[in-house]
Amino acid sequence: MTQHSGNQNRPLAGIPPGQQVRIVGYEGGRMLRARLMSMGLNIGQVVSIVQNNRGLIILSVNGSRLALGRGVSQKIFTSPVELPA
């Protein structure tokens, strides 16, 4: 399990469409972490939420789109991205 402490950290499943967030941790085993990293969902990666409905969550990562199920997206913890002024 990767650490995800902090008050502003939220599961990816709870982020509304149109938001950008930074991945700060995972809750899962070695195989889940390896799978997420192979898709480019590394810790520190900024992702945009394209769609978040009852089933799938569609992300934009490095110009590509990924679809994640609700269960996996509950195990990815994020923090808000600070936009430059």
Foldseek 3Di string as FASTA:
>chain_A
DWDDDDDQKAQQLPDAAPFKWFWAFFDDDPVLQVVCVVVVNDHGFIWGFHHHDPFWTWIQGPNDIDIDGPVRSRGTITGGDDDDD
